[in-house]
Amino acid sequence: MRATIYELQGEQTGPGPLPPLGFLIVPEDGTTVSGTVEVAGWAWGLSGILGVEIFVDGIRAGAATYGLPTGYLLPGQPSDTDYRYLLDTTRLPNGVHAIVAKATDNAGHVATFQTMRVTIAN
């Protein structure tokens, strides 16, 4: 099914009707982190991805670098759909925090990926 969706992207003549697809992979839910932590995953949209933003406890932390080589290709998946953001946890209080990634496609659709709850212990 994914291969068919990726194929349709090449045939898309206008803005896609669907929001982006994606996943927040690291940090994993329930982990304890400190210092600078990688926040990473993948995002893809029919009309292309405008950007991916990272939020901590509902507050924008910053924009992720998008278009990185994908380390886990699925059949037909484009090879440049990864995103990465380095989160400085020393700027946050110790305790449990919710990390969320939001992707915006070129048609203006926004997708919010699953929440990862991590414990910061600096």
PDB file of N, CA and C in Angstrom:
ATOM      1  N   MET A   1       0.817  -1.186   0.000  1.00  0.00           N
ATOM      2  CA  MET A   1       0.000   0.000   0.000  1.00  0.00           C
ATOM      3  C   MET A   1       0.872   1.265   0.000  1.00  0.00           C
ATOM      4  N   ARG A   2       1.948   1.256   0.820  1.00  0.00           N
ATOM      5  CA  ARG A   2       2.821   2.423   0.860  1.00  0.00           C
ATOM      6  C   ARG A   2       3.464   2.673  -0.494  1.00  0.00           C
ATOM      7  N   ALA A   3       3.883   1.598  -1.163  1.00  0.00           N
ATOM      8  CA  ALA A   3       4.518   1.746  -2.474  1.00  0.00           C
ATOM      9  C   ALA A   3       3.563   2.432  -3.443  1.00  0.00           C
ATOM     10  N   THR A   4       2.292   2.101  -3.383  1.00  0.00           N
ATOM     11  CA  THR A   4       1.295   2.728  -4.252  1.00  0.00           C
ATOM     12  C   THR A   4       1.139   4.199  -3.920  1.00  0.00           C
ATOM     13  N   ILE A   5       1.121   4.530  -2.639  1.00  0.00           N
ATOM     14  CA  ILE A   5       0.996   5.932  -2.228  1.00  0.00           C
ATOM     15  C   ILE A   5       2.199   6.735  -2.699  1.00  0.00           C
ATOM     16  N   TYR A   6       3.408   6.183  -2.533  1.00  0.00           N
ATOM     17  CA  TYR A   6       4.605   6.885  -2.986  1.00  0.00           C
ATOM     18  C   TYR A   6       4.576   7.077  -4.503  1.00  0.00           C
ATOM     19  N   GLU A   7       4.065   6.086  -5.217  1.00  0.00           N
ATOM     20  CA  GLU A   7       3.952   6.182  -6.671  1.00  0.00           C
ATOM     21  C   GLU A   7       2.980   7.291  -7.069  1.00  0.00           C
ATOM     22  N   LEU A   8       1.903   7.425  -6.299  1.00  0.00           N
ATOM     23  CA  LEU A   8       0.917   8.466  -6.587  1.00  0.00           C
ATOM     24  C   LEU A   8       1.504   9.867  -6.442  1.00  0.00           C
ATOM     25  N   GLN A   9       2.486  10.017  -5.574  1.00  0.00           N
ATOM     26  CA  GLN A   9       3.110  11.324  -5.405  1.00  0.00           C
ATOM     27  C   GLN A   9       3.648  11.834  -6.724  1.00  0.00           C
ATOM     28  N   GLY A  10       4.238  10.944  -7.508  1.00  0.00           N
ATOM     29  CA  GLY A  10       4.790  11.346  -8.799  1.00  0.00           C
ATOM     30  C   GLY A  10       3.728  11.750  -9.801  1.00  0.00           C
ATOM     31  N   GLU A  11       2.497  11.335  -9.575  1.00  0.00           N
ATOM     32  CA  GLU A  11       1.397  11.636 -10.484  1.00  0.00           C
ATOM     33  C   GLU A  11       0.527  12.789  -9.986  1.00  0.00           C
ATOM     34  N   GLN A  12       0.810  13.270  -8.798  1.00  0.00           N
ATOM     35  CA  GLN A  12      -0.001  14.323  -8.181  1.00  0.00           C
ATOM     36  C   GLN A  12       0.130  15.613  -8.982  1.00  0.00           C
ATOM     37  N   THR A  13      -0.993  16.187  -9.403  1.00  0.00           N
ATOM     38  CA  THR A  13      -0.973  17.415 -10.200  1.00  0.00           C
ATOM     39  C   THR A  13      -1.319  18.649  -9.388  1.00  0.00           C
ATOM     40  N   GLY A  14      -1.871  18.480  -8.207  1.00  0.00           N
ATOM     41  CA  GLY A  14      -2.236  19.606  -7.358  1.00  0.00           C
ATOM     42  C   GLY A  14      -1.973  19.260  -5.914  1.00  0.00           C
ATOM     43  N   PRO A  15      -2.372  20.139  -5.007  1.00  0.00           N
ATOM     44  CA  PRO A  15      -2.164  19.859  -3.590  1.00  0.00           C
ATOM     45  C   PRO A  15      -2.854  18.561  -3.175  1.00  0.00           C
ATOM     46  N   GLY A  16      -2.167  17.775  -2.387  1.00  0.00           N
ATOM     47  CA  GLY A  16      -2.739  16.531  -1.893  1.00  0.00           C
ATOM     48  C   GLY A  16      -3.840  16.792  -0.884  1.00  0.00           C
ATOM     49  N   PRO A  17      -4.840  15.929  -0.823  1.00  0.00           N
ATOM     50  CA  PRO A  17      -5.941  16.121   0.116  1.00  0.00           C
ATOM     51  C   PRO A  17      -5.644  15.576   1.506  1.00  0.00           C
ATOM     52  N   LEU A  18      -4.550  14.848   1.667  1.00  0.00           N
ATOM     53  CA  LEU A  18      -4.252  14.187   2.931  1.00  0.00           C
ATOM     54  C   LEU A  18      -3.115  14.877   3.677  1.00  0.00           C
ATOM     55  N   PRO A  19      -3.131  14.818   5.009  1.00  0.00           N
ATOM     56  CA  PRO A  19      -2.014  15.374   5.783  1.00  0.00           C
ATOM     57  C   PRO A  19      -0.781  14.483   5.627  1.00  0.00           C
ATOM     58  N   PRO A  20       0.374  14.983   6.025  1.00  0.00           N
ATOM     59  CA  PRO A  20       1.589  14.183   5.936  1.00  0.00           C
ATOM     60  C   PRO A  20       1.505  12.923   6.801  1.00  0.00           C
ATOM     61  N   LEU A  21       2.298  11.946   6.425  1.00  0.00           N
ATOM     62  CA  LEU A  21       2.483  10.741   7.217  1.00  0.00           C
ATOM     63  C   LEU A  21       3.844  10.841   7.886  1.00  0.00           C
ATOM     64  N   GLY A  22       4.009  10.176   9.009  1.00  0.00           N
ATOM     65  CA  GLY A  22       5.324  10.194   9.630  1.00  0.00           C
ATOM     66  C   GLY A  22       5.335   9.544  10.983  1.00  0.00           C
ATOM     67  N   PHE A  23       6.503   9.605  11.589  1.00  0.00           N
ATOM     68  CA  PHE A  23       6.706   8.943  12.864  1.00  0.00           C
ATOM     69  C   PHE A  23       7.852   9.615  13.602  1.00  0.00           C
ATOM     70  N   LEU A  24       7.711   9.742  14.895  1.00  0.00           N
ATOM     71  CA  LEU A  24       8.787  10.192  15.772  1.00  0.00           C
ATOM     72  C   LEU A  24       9.422   8.924  16.330  1.00  0.00           C
ATOM     73  N   ILE A  25      10.695   8.704  16.050  1.00  0.00           N
ATOM     74  CA  ILE A  25      11.339   7.444  16.413  1.00  0.00           C
ATOM     75  C   ILE A  25      12.178   7.553  17.684  1.00  0.00           C
ATOM     76  N   VAL A  26      12.976   8.607  17.789  1.00  0.00           N
ATOM     77  CA  VAL A  26      13.794   8.805  18.990  1.00  0.00           C
ATOM     78  C   VAL A  26      13.634  10.236  19.484  1.00  0.00           C
ATOM     79  N   PRO A  27      13.676  10.430  20.806  1.00  0.00           N
ATOM     80  CA  PRO A  27      13.932   9.422  21.825  1.00  0.00           C
ATOM     81  C   PRO A  27      12.715   8.522  22.026  1.00  0.00           C
ATOM     82  N   GLU A  28      12.958   7.329  22.514  1.00  0.00           N
ATOM     83  CA  GLU A  28      11.871   6.391  22.732  1.00  0.00           C
ATOM     84  C   GLU A  28      11.047   6.791  23.946  1.00  0.00           C
ATOM     85  N   ASP A  29       9.776   6.476  23.886  1.00  0.00           N
ATOM     86  CA  ASP A  29       8.853   6.769  24.977  1.00  0.00           C
ATOM     87  C   ASP A  29       9.328   6.083  26.260  1.00  0.00           C
ATOM     88  N   GLY A  30       9.325   6.825  27.365  1.00  0.00           N
ATOM     89  CA  GLY A  30       9.668   6.258  28.664  1.00  0.00           C
ATOM     90  C   GLY A  30      11.139   6.264  29.016  1.00  0.00           C
ATOM     91  N   THR A  31      11.991   6.792  28.129  1.00  0.00           N
ATOM     92  CA  THR A  31      13.425   6.793  28.421  1.00  0.00           C
ATOM     93  C   THR A  31      13.813   7.987  29.285  1.00  0.00           C
ATOM     94  N   THR A  32      14.977   7.887  29.892  1.00  0.00           N
ATOM     95  CA  THR A  32      15.557   8.984  30.660  1.00  0.00           C
ATOM     96  C   THR A  32      16.675   9.574  29.823  1.00  0.00           C
ATOM     97  N   VAL A  33      16.686  10.901  29.693  1.00  0.00           N
ATOM     98  CA  VAL A  33      17.656  11.576  28.835  1.00  0.00           C
ATOM     99  C   VAL A  33      18.325  12.711  29.594  1.00  0.00           C
ATOM    100  N   SER A  34      19.471  13.156  29.067  1.00  0.00           N
ATOM    101  CA  SER A  34      20.174  14.301  29.642  1.00  0.00           C
ATOM    102  C   SER A  34      21.055  14.907  28.565  1.00  0.00           C
ATOM    103  N   GLY A  35      21.480  16.135  28.806  1.00  0.00           N
ATOM    104  CA  GLY A  35      22.358  16.806  27.849  1.00  0.00           C
ATOM    105  C   GLY A  35      21.655  17.092  26.535  1.00  0.00           C
ATOM    106  N   THR A  36      22.378  16.935  25.440  1.00  0.00           N
ATOM    107  CA  THR A  36      21.814  17.143  24.112  1.00  0.00           C
ATOM    108  C   THR A  36      21.288  15.815  23.594  1.00  0.00           C
ATOM    109  N   VAL A  37      20.019  15.817  23.208  1.00  0.00           N
ATOM    110  CA  VAL A  37      19.329  14.598  22.805  1.00  0.00           C
ATOM    111  C   VAL A  37      18.862  14.733  21.363  1.00  0.00           C
ATOM    112  N   GLU A  38      19.050  13.672  20.588  1.00  0.00           N
ATOM    113  CA  GLU A  38      18.550  13.650  19.211  1.00  0.00           C
ATOM    114  C   GLU A  38      17.055  13.353  19.225  1.00  0.00           C
ATOM    115  N   VAL A  39      16.302  14.184  18.505  1.00  0.00           N
ATOM    116  CA  VAL A  39      14.878  13.955  18.261  1.00  0.00           C
ATOM    117  C   VAL A  39      14.791  13.705  16.759  1.00  0.00           C
ATOM    118  N   ALA A  40      14.336  12.506  16.366  1.00  0.00           N
ATOM    119  CA  ALA A  40      14.396  12.156  14.947  1.00  0.00           C
ATOM    120  C   ALA A  40      13.287  11.201  14.544  1.00  0.00           C
ATOM    121  N   GLY A  41      13.009  11.200  13.247  1.00  0.00           N
ATOM    122  CA  GLY A  41      12.003  10.313  12.680  1.00  0.00           C
ATOM    123  C   GLY A  41      11.927  10.537  11.183  1.00  0.00           C
ATOM    124  N   TRP A  42      10.757  10.267  10.602  1.00  0.00           N
ATOM    125  CA  TRP A  42      10.561  10.481   9.169  1.00  0.00           C
ATOM    126  C   TRP A  42       9.207  11.128   8.935  1.00  0.00           C
ATOM    127  N   ALA A  43       9.108  11.838   7.829  1.00  0.00           N
ATOM    128  CA  ALA A  43       7.854  12.490   7.439  1.00  0.00           C
ATOM    129  C   ALA A  43       7.774  12.512   5.922  1.00  0.00           C
ATOM    130  N   TRP A  44       6.563  12.360   5.414  1.00  0.00           N
ATOM    131  CA  TRP A  44       6.356  12.335   3.968  1.00  0.00           C
ATOM    132  C   TRP A  44       4.958  12.848   3.668  1.00  0.00           C
ATOM    133  N   GLY A  45       4.810  13.583   2.571  1.00  0.00           N
ATOM    134  CA  GLY A  45       3.509  14.086   2.157  1.00  0.00           C
ATOM    135  C   GLY A  45       3.379  14.068   0.644  1.00  0.00           C
ATOM    136  N   LEU A  46       2.150  13.909   0.165  1.00  0.00           N
ATOM    137  CA  LEU A  46       1.898  13.876  -1.278  1.00  0.00           C
ATOM    138  C   LEU A  46       2.408  15.128  -1.974  1.00  0.00           C
ATOM    139  N   SER A  47       2.226  16.278  -1.335  1.00  0.00           N
ATOM    140  CA  SER A  47       2.642  17.530  -1.960  1.00  0.00           C
ATOM    141  C   SER A  47       4.034  17.964  -1.506  1.00  0.00           C
ATOM    142  N   GLY A  48       4.748  17.087  -0.802  1.00  0.00           N
ATOM    143  CA  GLY A  48       6.081  17.423  -0.302  1.00  0.00           C
ATOM    144  C   GLY A  48       5.991  18.029   1.089  1.00  0.00           C
ATOM    145  N   ILE A  49       7.077  17.988   1.824  1.00  0.00           N
ATOM    146  CA  ILE A  49       7.114  18.500   3.187  1.00  0.00           C
ATOM    147  C   ILE A  49       7.759  19.880   3.208  1.00  0.00           C
ATOM    148  N   LEU A  50       7.047  20.836   3.791  1.00  0.00           N
ATOM    149  CA  LEU A  50       7.561  22.188   3.957  1.00  0.00           C
ATOM    150  C   LEU A  50       8.532  22.239   5.127  1.00  0.00           C
ATOM    151  N   GLY A  51       8.192  21.539   6.224  1.00  0.00           N
ATOM    152  CA  GLY A  51       9.070  21.526   7.388  1.00  0.00           C
ATOM    153  C   GLY A  51       8.523  20.675   8.506  1.00  0.00           C
ATOM    154  N   VAL A  52       9.399  20.376   9.465  1.00  0.00           N
ATOM    155  CA  VAL A  52       9.039  19.616  10.658  1.00  0.00           C
ATOM    156  C   VAL A  52       9.486  20.436  11.865  1.00  0.00           C
ATOM    157  N   GLU A  53       8.574  20.616  12.813  1.00  0.00           N
ATOM    158  CA  GLU A  53       8.886  21.363  14.025  1.00  0.00           C
ATOM    159  C   GLU A  53       8.767  20.445  15.233  1.00  0.00           C
ATOM    160  N   ILE A  54       9.599  20.710  16.229  1.00  0.00           N
ATOM    161  CA  ILE A  54       9.627  19.919  17.454  1.00  0.00           C
ATOM    162  C   ILE A  54       9.048  20.761  18.588  1.00  0.00           C
ATOM    163  N   PHE A  55       8.178  20.133  19.379  1.00  0.00           N
ATOM    164  CA  PHE A  55       7.542  20.786  20.514  1.00  0.00           C
ATOM    165  C   PHE A  55       7.833  20.000  21.787  1.00  0.00           C
ATOM    166  N   VAL A  56       8.078  20.723  22.871  1.00  0.00           N
ATOM    167  CA  VAL A  56       8.251  20.105  24.185  1.00  0.00           C
ATOM    168  C   VAL A  56       7.204  20.713  25.106  1.00  0.00           C
ATOM    169  N   ASP A  57       6.361  19.870  25.645  1.00  0.00           N
ATOM    170  CA  ASP A  57       5.279  20.311  26.519  1.00  0.00           C
ATOM    171  C   ASP A  57       4.404  21.371  25.848  1.00  0.00           C
ATOM    172  N   GLY A  58       4.195  21.229  24.541  1.00  0.00           N
ATOM    173  CA  GLY A  58       3.337  22.140  23.800  1.00  0.00           C
ATOM    174  C   GLY A  58       3.996  23.425  23.348  1.00  0.00           C
ATOM    175  N   ILE A  59       5.259  23.627  23.691  1.00  0.00           N
ATOM    176  CA  ILE A  59       5.986  24.847  23.324  1.00  0.00           C
ATOM    177  C   ILE A  59       7.003  24.500  22.237  1.00  0.00           C
ATOM    178  N   ARG A  60       7.010  25.306  21.170  1.00  0.00           N
ATOM    179  CA  ARG A  60       7.921  25.052  20.058  1.00  0.00           C
ATOM    180  C   ARG A  60       9.365  25.133  20.524  1.00  0.00           C
ATOM    181  N   ALA A  61      10.121  24.050  20.298  1.00  0.00           N
ATOM    182  CA  ALA A  61      11.539  24.021  20.643  1.00  0.00           C
ATOM    183  C   ALA A  61      12.381  24.482  19.462  1.00  0.00           C
ATOM    184  N   GLY A  62      11.927  24.146  18.231  1.00  0.00           N
ATOM    185  CA  GLY A  62      12.675  24.557  17.054  1.00  0.00           C
ATOM    186  C   GLY A  62      12.311  23.746  15.834  1.00  0.00           C
ATOM    187  N   ALA A  63      12.935  24.110  14.716  1.00  0.00           N
ATOM    188  CA  ALA A  63      12.698  23.428  13.442  1.00  0.00           C
ATOM    189  C   ALA A  63      13.740  22.334  13.252  1.00  0.00           C
ATOM    190  N   ALA A  64      13.273  21.163  12.857  1.00  0.00           N
ATOM    191  CA  ALA A  64      14.172  20.046  12.578  1.00  0.00           C
ATOM    192  C   ALA A  64      14.765  20.201  11.187  1.00  0.00           C
ATOM    193  N   THR A  65      15.915  19.614  10.983  1.00  0.00           N
ATOM    194  CA  THR A  65      16.499  19.514   9.651  1.00  0.00           C
ATOM    195  C   THR A  65      15.756  18.401   8.938  1.00  0.00           C
ATOM    196  N   TYR A  66      15.207  18.705   7.771  1.00  0.00           N
ATOM    197  CA  TYR A  66      14.411  17.721   7.037  1.00  0.00           C
ATOM    198  C   TYR A  66      15.075  17.403   5.699  1.00  0.00           C
ATOM    199  N   GLY A  67      14.819  16.193   5.200  1.00  0.00           N
ATOM    200  CA  GLY A  67      15.348  15.777   3.909  1.00  0.00           C
ATOM    201  C   GLY A  67      16.619  14.970   4.021  1.00  0.00           C
ATOM    202  N   LEU A  68      16.861  14.436   5.211  1.00  0.00           N
ATOM    203  CA  LEU A  68      18.062  13.622   5.433  1.00  0.00           C
ATOM    204  C   LEU A  68      17.869  12.224   4.843  1.00  0.00           C
ATOM    205  N   PRO A  69      18.949  11.555   4.525  1.00  0.00           N
ATOM    206  CA  PRO A  69      18.831  10.192   3.985  1.00  0.00           C
ATOM    207  C   PRO A  69      18.108   9.272   4.968  1.00  0.00           C
ATOM    208  N   THR A  70      17.207   8.471   4.457  1.00  0.00           N
ATOM    209  CA  THR A  70      16.425   7.568   5.272  1.00  0.00           C
ATOM    210  C   THR A  70      17.227   6.312   5.585  1.00  0.00           C
ATOM    211  N   GLY A  71      17.242   5.946   6.851  1.00  0.00           N
ATOM    212  CA  GLY A  71      17.985   4.779   7.273  1.00  0.00           C
ATOM    213  C   GLY A  71      17.170   3.499   7.283  1.00  0.00           C
ATOM    214  N   TYR A  72      15.874   3.593   7.020  1.00  0.00           N
ATOM    215  CA  TYR A  72      14.992   2.427   7.093  1.00  0.00           C
ATOM    216  C   TYR A  72      13.976   2.521   5.985  1.00  0.00           C
ATOM    217  N   LEU A  73      14.388   2.173   4.780  1.00  0.00           N
ATOM    218  CA  LEU A  73      13.519   2.283   3.609  1.00  0.00           C
ATOM    219  C   LEU A  73      12.467   1.184   3.558  1.00  0.00           C
ATOM    220  N   LEU A  74      11.265   1.587   3.251  1.00  0.00           N
ATOM    221  CA  LEU A  74      10.184   0.656   2.951  1.00  0.00           C
ATOM    222  C   LEU A  74      10.058   0.595   1.432  1.00  0.00           C
ATOM    223  N   PRO A  75       9.457  -0.438   0.883  1.00  0.00           N
ATOM    224  CA  PRO A  75       9.335  -0.536  -0.576  1.00  0.00           C
ATOM    225  C   PRO A  75       8.707   0.725  -1.191  1.00  0.00           C
ATOM    226  N   GLY A  76       9.420   1.340  -2.120  1.00  0.00           N
ATOM    227  CA  GLY A  76       8.919   2.508  -2.816  1.00  0.00           C
ATOM    228  C   GLY A  76       9.084   3.825  -2.073  1.00  0.00           C
ATOM    229  N   GLN A  77       9.580   3.794  -0.843  1.00  0.00           N
ATOM    230  CA  GLN A  77       9.710   5.012  -0.048  1.00  0.00           C
ATOM    231  C   GLN A  77      10.831   5.895  -0.583  1.00  0.00           C
ATOM    232  N   PRO A  78      10.605   7.212  -0.675  1.00  0.00           N
ATOM    233  CA  PRO A  78      11.694   8.113  -1.067  1.00  0.00           C
ATOM    234  C   PRO A  78      12.852   7.982  -0.077  1.00  0.00           C
ATOM    235  N   SER A  79      14.052   8.259  -0.534  1.00  0.00           N
ATOM    236  CA  SER A  79      15.235   8.031   0.295  1.00  0.00           C
ATOM    237  C   SER A  79      15.661   9.244   1.118  1.00  0.00           C
ATOM    238  N   ASP A  80      14.874  10.319   1.115  1.00  0.00           N
ATOM    239  CA  ASP A  80      15.273  11.545   1.821  1.00  0.00           C
ATOM    240  C   ASP A  80      14.135  12.109   2.672  1.00  0.00           C
ATOM    241  N   THR A  81      13.551  11.272   3.512  1.00  0.00           N
ATOM    242  CA  THR A  81      12.376  11.696   4.284  1.00  0.00           C
ATOM    243  C   THR A  81      12.638  11.813   5.782  1.00  0.00           C
ATOM    244  N   ASP A  82      13.873  11.677   6.223  1.00  0.00           N
ATOM    245  CA  ASP A  82      14.170  11.753   7.653  1.00  0.00           C
ATOM    246  C   ASP A  82      14.287  13.200   8.116  1.00  0.00           C
ATOM    247  N   TYR A  83      14.032  13.392   9.408  1.00  0.00           N
ATOM    248  CA  TYR A  83      14.257  14.693  10.045  1.00  0.00           C
ATOM    249  C   TYR A  83      15.042  14.465  11.328  1.00  0.00           C
ATOM    250  N   ARG A  84      15.723  15.535  11.772  1.00  0.00           N
ATOM    251  CA  ARG A  84      16.556  15.439  12.975  1.00  0.00           C
ATOM    252  C   ARG A  84      16.621  16.803  13.643  1.00  0.00           C
ATOM    253  N   TYR A  85      16.527  16.776  14.971  1.00  0.00           N
ATOM    254  CA  TYR A  85      16.647  17.999  15.767  1.00  0.00           C
ATOM    255  C   TYR A  85      17.450  17.659  17.010  1.00  0.00           C
ATOM    256  N   LEU A  86      18.371  18.523  17.399  1.00  0.00           N
ATOM    257  CA  LEU A  86      19.143  18.319  18.619  1.00  0.00           C
ATOM    258  C   LEU A  86      18.531  19.184  19.721  1.00  0.00           C
ATOM    259  N   LEU A  87      17.994  18.520  20.736  1.00  0.00           N
ATOM    260  CA  LEU A  87      17.310  19.188  21.843  1.00  0.00           C
ATOM    261  C   LEU A  87      18.262  19.311  23.030  1.00  0.00           C
ATOM    262  N   ASP A  88      18.486  20.544  23.478  1.00  0.00           N
ATOM    263  CA  ASP A  88      19.331  20.804  24.647  1.00  0.00           C
ATOM    264  C   ASP A  88      18.452  20.691  25.895  1.00  0.00           C
ATOM    265  N   THR A  89      18.527  19.557  26.568  1.00  0.00           N
ATOM    266  CA  THR A  89      17.662  19.335  27.729  1.00  0.00           C
ATOM    267  C   THR A  89      18.096  20.120  28.954  1.00  0.00           C
ATOM    268  N   THR A  90      19.307  20.715  28.925  1.00  0.00           N
ATOM    269  CA  THR A  90      19.754  21.496  30.085  1.00  0.00           C
ATOM    270  C   THR A  90      18.950  22.786  30.227  1.00  0.00           C
ATOM    271  N   ARG A  91      18.199  23.149  29.195  1.00  0.00           N
ATOM    272  CA  ARG A  91      17.351  24.352  29.248  1.00  0.00           C
ATOM    273  C   ARG A  91      15.958  24.051  29.814  1.00  0.00           C
ATOM    274  N   LEU A  92      15.734  22.779  30.160  1.00  0.00           N
ATOM    275  CA  LEU A  92      14.437  22.346  30.674  1.00  0.00           C
ATOM    276  C   LEU A  92      14.604  21.822  32.094  1.00  0.00           C
ATOM    277  N   PRO A  93      13.569  21.948  32.918  1.00  0.00           N
ATOM    278  CA  PRO A  93      13.675  21.405  34.275  1.00  0.00           C
ATOM    279  C   PRO A  93      13.660  19.879  34.265  1.00  0.00           C
ATOM    280  N   ASN A  94      14.292  19.291  35.248  1.00  0.00           N
ATOM    281  CA  ASN A  94      14.253  17.840  35.391  1.00  0.00           C
ATOM    282  C   ASN A  94      12.816  17.393  35.601  1.00  0.00           C
ATOM    283  N   GLY A  95      12.513  16.192  35.130  1.00  0.00           N
ATOM    284  CA  GLY A  95      11.169  15.647  35.271  1.00  0.00           C
ATOM    285  C   GLY A  95      10.671  15.107  33.943  1.00  0.00           C
ATOM    286  N   VAL A  96       9.391  14.740  33.911  1.00  0.00           N
ATOM    287  CA  VAL A  96       8.781  14.153  32.720  1.00  0.00           C
ATOM    288  C   VAL A  96       8.327  15.260  31.774  1.00  0.00           C
ATOM    289  N   HIS A  97       8.656  15.085  30.488  1.00  0.00           N
ATOM    290  CA  HIS A  97       8.288  16.056  29.461  1.00  0.00           C
ATOM    291  C   HIS A  97       7.746  15.327  28.238  1.00  0.00           C
ATOM    292  N   ALA A  98       6.843  15.972  27.523  1.00  0.00           N
ATOM    293  CA  ALA A  98       6.229  15.414  26.314  1.00  0.00           C
ATOM    294  C   ALA A  98       6.881  16.036  25.085  1.00  0.00           C
ATOM    295  N   ILE A  99       7.418  15.186  24.203  1.00  0.00           N
ATOM    296  CA  ILE A  99       8.037  15.637  22.956  1.00  0.00           C
ATOM    297  C   ILE A  99       7.135  15.224  21.801  1.00  0.00           C
ATOM    298  N   VAL A 100       6.860  16.190  20.911  1.00  0.00           N
ATOM    299  CA  VAL A 100       5.983  15.961  19.764  1.00  0.00           C
ATOM    300  C   VAL A 100       6.632  16.565  18.525  1.00  0.00           C
ATOM    301  N   ALA A 101       6.474  15.893  17.386  1.00  0.00           N
ATOM    302  CA  ALA A 101       6.907  16.435  16.100  1.00  0.00           C
ATOM    303  C   ALA A 101       5.665  16.737  15.272  1.00  0.00           C
ATOM    304  N   LYS A 102       5.678  17.896  14.593  1.00  0.00           N
ATOM    305  CA  LYS A 102       4.590  18.278  13.698  1.00  0.00           C
ATOM    306  C   LYS A 102       5.175  18.575  12.329  1.00  0.00           C
ATOM    307  N   ALA A 103       4.602  17.937  11.299  1.00  0.00           N
ATOM    308  CA  ALA A 103       5.060  18.154   9.927  1.00  0.00           C
ATOM    309  C   ALA A 103       4.009  18.955   9.168  1.00  0.00           C
ATOM    310  N   THR A 104       4.468  19.905   8.383  1.00  0.00           N
ATOM    311  CA  THR A 104       3.598  20.705   7.526  1.00  0.00           C
ATOM    312  C   THR A 104       3.974  20.419   6.081  1.00  0.00           C
ATOM    313  N   ASP A 105       2.969  20.108   5.262  1.00  0.00           N
ATOM    314  CA  ASP A 105       3.274  19.849   3.853  1.00  0.00           C
ATOM    315  C   ASP A 105       3.118  21.128   3.041  1.00  0.00           C
ATOM    316  N   ASN A 106       3.478  21.070   1.783  1.00  0.00           N
ATOM    317  CA  ASN A 106       3.433  22.249   0.910  1.00  0.00           C
ATOM    318  C   ASN A 106       2.024  22.718   0.607  1.00  0.00           C
ATOM    319  N   ALA A 107       1.009  21.902   0.923  1.00  0.00           N
ATOM    320  CA  ALA A 107      -0.387  22.300   0.736  1.00  0.00           C
ATOM    321  C   ALA A 107      -0.962  22.932   2.007  1.00  0.00           C
ATOM    322  N   GLY A 108      -0.143  23.010   3.080  1.00  0.00           N
ATOM    323  CA  GLY A 108      -0.593  23.626   4.319  1.00  0.00           C
ATOM    324  C   GLY A 108      -1.188  22.666   5.330  1.00  0.00           C
ATOM    325  N   HIS A 109      -1.234  21.373   5.019  1.00  0.00           N
ATOM    326  CA  HIS A 109      -1.746  20.396   5.976  1.00  0.00           C
ATOM    327  C   HIS A 109      -0.701  20.160   7.069  1.00  0.00           C
ATOM    328  N   VAL A 110      -1.177  20.024   8.309  1.00  0.00           N
ATOM    329  CA  VAL A 110      -0.287  19.767   9.436  1.00  0.00           C
ATOM    330  C   VAL A 110      -0.642  18.433  10.062  1.00  0.00           C
ATOM    331  N   ALA A 111       0.366  17.625  10.315  1.00  0.00           N
ATOM    332  CA  ALA A 111       0.177  16.340  10.999  1.00  0.00           C
ATOM    333  C   ALA A 111       0.986  16.360  12.284  1.00  0.00           C
ATOM    334  N   THR A 112       0.360  15.936  13.364  1.00  0.00           N
ATOM    335  CA  THR A 112       1.036  15.807  14.649  1.00  0.00           C
ATOM    336  C   THR A 112       1.317  14.336  14.889  1.00  0.00           C
ATOM    337  N   PHE A 113       2.583  13.996  15.084  1.00  0.00           N
ATOM    338  CA  PHE A 113       2.958  12.610  15.301  1.00  0.00           C
ATOM    339  C   PHE A 113       2.842  12.268  16.780  1.00  0.00           C
ATOM    340  N   GLN A 114       2.941  10.993  17.091  1.00  0.00           N
ATOM    341  CA  GLN A 114       2.719  10.523  18.462  1.00  0.00           C
ATOM    342  C   GLN A 114       3.619  11.251  19.463  1.00  0.00           C
ATOM    343  N   THR A 115       3.178  11.277  20.710  1.00  0.00           N
ATOM    344  CA  THR A 115       3.906  11.917  21.791  1.00  0.00           C
ATOM    345  C   THR A 115       4.872  10.922  22.434  1.00  0.00           C
ATOM    346  N   MET A 116       6.088  11.374  22.638  1.00  0.00           N
ATOM    347  CA  MET A 116       7.063  10.580  23.379  1.00  0.00           C
ATOM    348  C   MET A 116       7.276  11.280  24.717  1.00  0.00           C
ATOM    349  N   ARG A 117       7.023  10.568  25.789  1.00  0.00           N
ATOM    350  CA  ARG A 117       7.252  11.117  27.133  1.00  0.00           C
ATOM    351  C   ARG A 117       8.596  10.629  27.629  1.00  0.00           C
ATOM    352  N   VAL A 118       9.457  11.583  27.981  1.00  0.00           N
ATOM    353  CA  VAL A 118      10.791  11.251  28.466  1.00  0.00           C
ATOM    354  C   VAL A 118      11.012  11.924  29.810  1.00  0.00           C
ATOM    355  N   THR A 119      11.896  11.340  30.590  1.00  0.00           N
ATOM    356  CA  THR A 119      12.290  11.940  31.860  1.00  0.00           C
ATOM    357  C   THR A 119      13.643  12.601  31.660  1.00  0.00           C
ATOM    358  N   ILE A 120      13.701  13.885  31.955  1.00  0.00           N
ATOM    359  CA  ILE A 120      14.960  14.622  31.861  1.00  0.00           C
ATOM    360  C   ILE A 120      15.633  14.574  33.233  1.00  0.00           C
ATOM    361  N   ALA A 121      16.890  14.162  33.249  1.00  0.00           N
ATOM    362  CA  ALA A 121      17.656  14.048  34.488  1.00  0.00           C
ATOM    363  C   ALA A 121      19.052  14.610  34.254  1.00  0.00           C
ATOM    364  N   ASN A 122      19.183  15.915  34.413  1.00  0.00           N
ATOM    365  CA  ASN A 122      20.494  16.566  34.239  1.00  0.00           C
ATOM    366  C   ASN A 122      21.144  16.786  35.591  1.00  0.00           C
TER     367      ASN A 122
END
